């Protein structure tokens, strides 16, 4: 499933947390599994508990015994919720040793651990990397796997761009990945490379760009985040910005369109990201000068940034009807 689809399914499940089956998200490292789960909790204004079983011994989940009226009463770990609504997130579940995974059987299936019961308002989600990703994971026992609703999490550029625009990711990264979408995620489990491009490392890249101003130092630094291949292409793309026309001249009526593909991607993305709501109508008019794939890209970006403003643009309905076959 795409990230937006995963979010929709989680939003639906948390409405009936005590009856929806616990969910397990599968996917390679760095694609945003954990982030999506936390986003749903924040958007729904509910609690979020991250229980890392990798840090537990098999006996830790049940807690410690405390004498009470001549009997032992077990006090479960403080990470387990006691009240309210929320998501109990078992991240990297299959990184935990098999005995620790086995200790979670009752919690996952029965929503209980000995005397402890997970409150009715809490929903359980786990996540982990796949065996084929060559991550440090243990094969999940079939008895545990059979307790989950399994969902494969896939990378999707459009979903990532929506997220990136809303989270102040450097606009040059958004522009570049529209030009080179295959570099959003490029992972080879057989490779010995330490750094490679993923949604997570592009987020790190955005932070580093804001910290390092020396271009030579920046280039070498990005090698250690997204790998030398992606870093070389991205740094070369950054140099294109000097070849772009003044964006204000296009907002003012200039219909200039660059000849090369890379500059078209750079210009279209830059215009969409810089545009104010009252300039959306001008960009709809300007898009008529572009090849259709670039016009569609511009409108998709505008819709991600401010769909309400795009809907109010006088020419939007006409444009959408004319391009219906390529935007559905």
Protein backbone atom coordinates (compact mmCIF):
# COMPACT_ATOMS: atom_id res chain seq x y z
CA UNK A 1 0.00 0.00 0.00
CA UNK A 2 1.02 3.59 -0.59
CA UNK A 3 1.60 5.75 2.52
CA UNK A 4 -1.72 7.60 2.10
CA UNK A 5 -3.55 4.30 1.82
CA UNK A 6 -1.80 2.97 4.92
CA UNK A 7 -2.81 6.09 6.82
CA UNK A 8 -6.41 5.70 5.71
CA UNK A 9 -6.49 2.09 6.90
CA UNK A 10 -4.97 3.03 10.26
CA UNK A 11 -7.42 5.91 10.70
CA UNK A 12 -10.25 3.46 10.08
CA UNK A 13 -8.82 0.86 12.48
CA UNK A 14 -8.35 3.20 15.44
CA UNK A 15 -12.08 3.93 15.38
CA UNK A 16 -12.64 0.34 16.60
CA UNK A 17 -9.33 -0.43 18.33
CA UNK A 18 -10.59 -3.32 20.44
CA UNK A 19 -12.05 -5.21 17.47
CA UNK A 20 -9.74 -4.39 14.53
CA UNK A 21 -6.94 -6.97 14.24
CA UNK A 22 -3.46 -5.76 15.22
CA UNK A 23 -1.50 -4.55 12.20
CA UNK A 24 2.07 -5.22 11.08
CA UNK A 25 3.71 -2.91 8.52
CA UNK A 26 6.49 -4.44 6.41
CA UNK A 27 9.04 -2.61 4.30
CA UNK A 28 12.71 -1.78 3.76
CA UNK A 29 14.56 0.64 6.05
CA UNK A 30 14.06 4.38 5.89
CA UNK A 31 10.76 4.58 4.00
CA UNK A 32 8.65 6.16 6.74
CA UNK A 33 6.75 3.31 8.41
CA UNK A 34 7.23 4.70 11.91
CA UNK A 35 6.56 8.28 10.81
CA UNK A 36 3.19 7.40 9.26
CA UNK A 37 1.98 5.67 12.43
CA UNK A 38 2.99 8.64 14.58
CA UNK A 39 1.36 11.07 12.14
CA UNK A 40 -1.97 9.27 12.44
CA UNK A 41 -1.80 9.50 16.24
CA UNK A 42 -1.02 13.23 16.05
CA UNK A 43 -3.73 13.93 13.47
CA UNK A 44 -6.28 12.04 15.57
CA UNK A 45 -5.14 13.74 18.79
CA UNK A 46 -4.70 10.43 20.58
CA UNK A 47 -1.88 8.93 22.62
CA UNK A 48 1.20 7.25 21.16
CA UNK A 49 3.41 4.74 22.97
CA UNK A 50 6.52 3.31 21.33
CA UNK A 51 7.40 0.00 23.00
CA UNK A 52 10.78 -1.29 21.80
CA UNK A 53 10.90 -5.01 22.47
CA UNK A 54 14.54 -5.02 21.34
CA UNK A 55 15.33 -3.43 24.70
CA UNK A 56 13.40 -6.03 26.68
CA UNK A 57 14.22 -9.40 28.17
CA UNK A 58 11.57 -12.14 27.86
CA UNK A 59 10.44 -11.50 31.44
CA UNK A 60 10.30 -7.70 31.17
CA UNK A 61 6.86 -7.43 29.56
CA UNK A 62 5.08 -9.08 32.45
CA UNK A 63 6.81 -6.71 34.87
CA UNK A 64 8.02 -7.25 38.39
CA UNK A 65 6.25 -9.11 41.23
CA UNK A 66 5.16 -7.12 44.27
CA UNK A 67 3.76 -8.82 47.41
CA UNK A 68 0.13 -8.04 48.18
CA UNK A 69 -1.97 -9.88 50.79
CA UNK A 70 0.42 -12.79 50.79
CA UNK A 71 0.36 -13.12 47.00
CA UNK A 72 2.49 -11.76 44.14
CA UNK A 73 0.96 -8.99 42.04
CA UNK A 74 2.73 -8.20 38.79
CA UNK A 75 3.45 -4.58 37.88
CA UNK A 76 3.80 -4.25 34.09
CA UNK A 77 6.25 -1.79 32.49
CA UNK A 78 5.33 1.90 32.53
CA UNK A 79 5.44 1.97 28.70
CA UNK A 80 2.15 0.08 28.60
CA UNK A 81 -0.83 2.46 28.62
CA UNK A 82 -3.33 2.47 31.49
CA UNK A 83 -6.12 4.69 30.19
CA UNK A 84 -7.43 6.80 27.33
CA UNK A 85 -7.09 6.25 23.58
CA UNK A 86 -4.03 5.79 21.43
CA UNK A 87 -1.70 3.61 19.40
CA UNK A 88 0.67 1.14 21.05
CA UNK A 89 3.51 0.86 18.53
CA UNK A 90 5.79 -2.17 18.55
CA UNK A 91 8.52 -0.87 16.25
CA UNK A 92 11.20 -3.24 14.93
CA UNK A 93 9.32 -6.17 16.44
CA UNK A 94 11.23 -8.75 14.41
CA UNK A 95 14.57 -7.33 15.57
CA UNK A 96 13.75 -8.61 19.06
CA UNK A 97 15.09 -12.12 19.83
CA UNK A 98 12.56 -14.96 19.30
CA UNK A 99 12.03 -15.48 23.05
CA UNK A 100 11.09 -11.81 23.46
CA UNK A 101 8.75 -12.01 20.46
CA UNK A 102 7.15 -15.06 22.05
CA UNK A 103 6.60 -13.12 25.30
CA UNK A 104 4.40 -10.69 23.33
CA UNK A 105 2.01 -13.38 22.01
CA UNK A 106 -0.65 -12.80 24.66
CA UNK A 107 -0.43 -9.01 24.41
CA UNK A 108 -0.90 -9.09 20.65
CA UNK A 109 -3.67 -11.69 20.49
CA UNK A 110 -5.58 -11.15 23.75
CA UNK A 111 -4.63 -7.51 24.47
CA UNK A 112 -3.48 -8.69 27.88
CA UNK A 113 -0.36 -9.70 29.81
CA UNK A 114 -1.16 -11.65 32.94
CA UNK A 115 -3.19 -9.25 35.08
CA UNK A 116 -2.65 -6.33 32.70
CA UNK A 117 -5.29 -5.48 30.06
CA UNK A 118 -4.73 -3.00 27.24
CA UNK A 119 -7.43 -0.29 27.52
CA UNK A 120 -10.21 -0.63 24.94
CA UNK A 121 -9.27 2.69 23.33
CA UNK A 122 -5.78 1.55 22.32
CA UNK A 123 -4.87 -0.03 18.98
CA UNK A 124 -1.73 -2.11 18.36
CA UNK A 125 0.54 -1.66 15.35
CA UNK A 126 3.93 -3.29 14.77
CA UNK A 127 6.52 -2.59 12.08
CA UNK A 128 9.68 -4.21 10.82
CA UNK A 129 12.07 -4.74 7.94
CA UNK A 130 11.81 -7.76 5.67
CA UNK A 131 14.24 -10.67 5.72
CA UNK A 132 15.23 -9.95 2.13
CA UNK A 133 16.39 -6.45 3.12
CA UNK A 134 19.35 -8.06 4.92
CA UNK A 135 18.56 -5.98 8.00
CA UNK A 136 19.33 -7.37 11.45
CA UNK A 137 16.07 -9.23 11.93
CA UNK A 138 14.87 -12.59 13.18
CA UNK A 139 12.38 -14.69 11.27
CA UNK A 140 8.97 -14.11 12.81
CA UNK A 141 7.51 -17.33 14.26
CA UNK A 142 4.40 -18.48 12.39
CA UNK A 143 2.39 -18.43 15.62
CA UNK A 144 3.16 -14.74 16.02
CA UNK A 145 2.75 -13.90 12.33
CA UNK A 146 -0.72 -15.46 12.40
CA UNK A 147 -1.78 -12.91 15.01
CA UNK A 148 -1.29 -9.92 12.66
CA UNK A 149 -2.93 -8.14 9.78
CA UNK A 150 0.06 -7.81 7.41
CA UNK A 151 0.47 -4.77 5.16
CA UNK A 152 3.36 -4.12 2.76
CA UNK A 153 4.40 -0.46 2.87
CA UNK A 154 5.63 0.98 -0.44
CA UNK A 155 7.38 4.22 -1.36
CA UNK A 156 5.36 6.72 -3.41
CA UNK A 157 6.70 10.03 -4.71
CA UNK A 158 3.38 11.91 -4.77
CA UNK A 159 2.65 10.98 -1.16
CA UNK A 160 6.19 11.93 -0.14
CA UNK A 161 5.96 15.31 -1.90
CA UNK A 162 2.72 16.08 -0.05
CA UNK A 163 4.47 15.27 3.21
CA UNK A 164 7.65 17.17 2.28
CA UNK A 165 5.78 20.36 1.40
CA UNK A 166 3.97 20.25 4.73
CA UNK A 167 7.18 19.62 6.68
CA UNK A 168 9.43 22.34 5.23
CA UNK A 169 11.74 20.01 3.33
CA UNK A 170 14.21 22.02 1.23
CA UNK A 171 12.47 22.98 -2.02
CA UNK A 172 15.51 22.00 -4.08
CA UNK A 173 15.11 18.41 -2.87
CA UNK A 174 11.43 18.35 -3.85
CA UNK A 175 12.31 19.79 -7.26
CA UNK A 176 15.16 17.33 -7.81
CA UNK A 177 13.10 14.27 -6.90
CA UNK A 178 10.35 15.31 -9.29
CA UNK A 179 13.09 15.23 -11.94
CA UNK A 180 14.68 11.98 -10.66
CA UNK A 181 11.87 10.13 -8.82
CA UNK A 182 13.79 6.84 -8.80
CA UNK A 183 16.26 8.43 -6.37
CA UNK A 184 13.66 8.91 -3.65
CA UNK A 185 14.43 5.35 -2.61
CA UNK A 186 17.32 3.33 -3.97
CA UNK A 187 18.29 0.39 -1.83
CA UNK A 188 20.27 -2.69 -2.77
CA UNK A 189 20.50 -5.19 0.09
CA UNK A 190 23.48 -6.83 -1.65
CA UNK A 191 25.50 -3.61 -1.62
CA UNK A 192 28.07 -2.78 1.05
CA UNK A 193 27.39 0.96 0.75
CA UNK A 194 26.63 2.55 4.11
CA UNK A 195 24.66 5.50 2.68
CA UNK A 196 21.82 5.37 0.18
CA UNK A 197 18.80 7.55 -0.67
CA UNK A 198 15.59 6.93 1.28
CA UNK A 199 12.80 9.25 2.44
CA UNK A 200 14.55 9.30 5.83
CA UNK A 201 17.98 10.28 4.44
CA UNK A 202 16.46 12.96 2.20
CA UNK A 203 14.93 14.46 5.33
CA UNK A 204 18.41 14.40 6.91
CA UNK A 205 19.78 15.99 3.72
CA UNK A 206 17.31 18.85 4.05
CA UNK A 207 18.57 19.54 7.57
CA UNK A 208 22.23 19.39 6.52
CA UNK A 209 21.65 21.80 3.61
CA UNK A 210 20.42 24.33 6.15
CA UNK A 211 23.54 23.85 8.27
CA UNK A 212 26.43 23.76 5.77
CA UNK A 213 27.03 26.68 3.42
CA UNK A 214 30.43 25.66 2.01
CA UNK A 215 29.59 23.97 -1.33
CA UNK A 216 32.61 21.66 -1.33
CA UNK A 217 31.97 20.56 2.22
CA UNK A 218 28.27 20.13 1.48
CA UNK A 219 28.97 17.82 -1.47
CA UNK A 220 31.23 15.59 0.60
CA UNK A 221 28.77 15.60 3.48
CA UNK A 222 25.88 14.49 1.29
CA UNK A 223 27.93 11.53 0.08
CA UNK A 224 27.59 10.18 3.62
CA UNK A 225 23.80 10.62 3.67
CA UNK A 226 22.40 9.65 0.27
CA UNK A 227 25.42 7.94 -1.29
CA UNK A 228 27.90 9.28 -3.80
CA UNK A 229 25.78 8.62 -6.90
CA UNK A 230 22.67 10.44 -5.70
CA UNK A 231 24.79 13.15 -4.08
CA UNK A 232 26.68 13.87 -7.32
CA UNK A 233 23.44 14.20 -9.28
CA UNK A 234 21.81 16.37 -6.66
CA UNK A 235 24.74 18.78 -6.35
CA UNK A 236 24.86 19.08 -10.16
CA UNK A 237 21.14 19.83 -10.13
CA UNK A 238 21.65 22.59 -7.57
CA UNK A 239 23.95 24.36 -10.03
CA UNK A 240 21.04 24.60 -12.49
CA UNK A 241 19.39 27.23 -10.32
CA UNK A 242 21.73 29.84 -11.81
CA UNK A 243 20.30 29.08 -15.28
CA UNK A 244 16.68 29.66 -14.26
CA UNK A 245 14.97 32.91 -15.26
CA UNK A 246 13.70 35.35 -12.68
CA UNK A 247 10.46 33.72 -11.50
CA UNK A 248 8.79 37.10 -11.03
CA UNK A 249 8.99 37.75 -14.79
CA UNK A 250 6.91 34.61 -15.40
CA UNK A 251 4.40 35.59 -12.72
CA UNK A 252 4.31 38.94 -14.52
CA UNK A 253 3.38 37.45 -17.89
CA UNK A 254 6.57 36.12 -19.50
CA UNK A 255 5.83 32.71 -21.09
CA UNK A 256 9.45 31.57 -21.32
CA UNK A 257 9.88 27.76 -21.29
CA UNK A 258 13.37 26.22 -20.97
CA UNK A 259 14.53 23.78 -23.63
CA UNK A 260 16.07 21.04 -21.49
CA UNK A 261 14.12 18.58 -19.33
CA UNK A 262 16.10 19.25 -16.16
CA UNK A 263 15.45 22.99 -16.38
CA UNK A 264 11.76 22.41 -17.09
CA UNK A 265 11.48 20.30 -13.92
CA UNK A 266 13.40 22.88 -11.92
CA UNK A 267 11.34 25.82 -13.20
CA UNK A 268 7.92 24.18 -12.85
CA UNK A 269 8.62 23.01 -9.30
CA UNK A 270 10.10 26.35 -8.27
CA UNK A 271 7.10 28.26 -9.63
CA UNK A 272 4.58 26.02 -7.87
CA UNK A 273 6.39 26.21 -4.54
CA UNK A 274 6.90 29.99 -4.68
CA UNK A 275 3.41 30.90 -5.96
CA UNK A 276 1.03 32.79 -3.70
CA UNK A 277 -2.68 31.86 -3.86
CA UNK A 278 -3.48 34.94 -5.97
CA UNK A 279 -0.89 33.79 -8.54
CA UNK A 280 -2.41 30.34 -9.14
CA UNK A 281 -4.56 31.67 -11.99
CA UNK A 282 -1.45 33.00 -13.73
CA UNK A 283 0.25 29.59 -13.45
CA UNK A 284 -2.79 27.85 -14.94
CA UNK A 285 -2.49 30.19 -17.92
CA UNK A 286 1.28 29.68 -18.11
CA UNK A 287 0.84 25.89 -18.05
CA UNK A 288 -0.75 26.05 -21.50
CA UNK A 289 2.76 26.74 -22.85
CA UNK A 290 4.20 23.59 -21.26
CA UNK A 291 4.28 19.98 -22.44
CA UNK A 292 1.31 18.27 -20.82
CA UNK A 293 3.38 16.21 -18.35
CA UNK A 294 4.92 19.39 -16.92
CA UNK A 295 1.57 21.17 -16.79
CA UNK A 296 0.15 18.23 -14.82
CA UNK A 297 3.15 18.21 -12.49
CA UNK A 298 2.68 21.91 -11.76
CA UNK A 299 -1.02 21.47 -10.98
CA UNK A 300 -0.34 18.47 -8.74
CA UNK A 301 2.17 20.52 -6.76
CA UNK A 302 -0.23 23.44 -6.44
CA UNK A 303 -2.96 21.06 -5.25
CA UNK A 304 -0.60 19.59 -2.63
CA UNK A 305 0.34 23.04 -1.37
CA UNK A 306 -3.09 24.69 -1.30
CA UNK A 307 -5.97 22.80 -2.93
CA UNK A 308 -8.49 25.35 -1.68
CA UNK A 309 -6.75 28.21 -3.48
CA UNK A 310 -6.45 26.15 -6.67
CA UNK A 311 -10.17 25.35 -6.63
CA UNK A 312 -10.93 29.09 -6.42
CA UNK A 313 -8.81 29.97 -9.48
CA UNK A 314 -11.23 31.02 -12.28
CA UNK A 315 -9.69 28.76 -14.95
CA UNK A 316 -9.13 25.67 -12.80
CA UNK A 317 -12.36 23.80 -13.58
CA UNK A 318 -11.86 24.34 -17.31
CA UNK A 319 -8.24 23.17 -17.10
CA UNK A 320 -9.16 20.11 -15.03
CA UNK A 321 -11.87 19.07 -17.51
CA UNK A 322 -9.47 19.48 -20.44
CA UNK A 323 -6.82 17.34 -18.76
CA UNK A 324 -9.10 14.87 -17.00
CA UNK A 325 -7.59 11.88 -18.80
CA UNK A 326 -4.09 12.56 -17.47
CA UNK A 327 -4.80 13.71 -13.92
CA UNK A 328 -7.13 10.90 -12.74
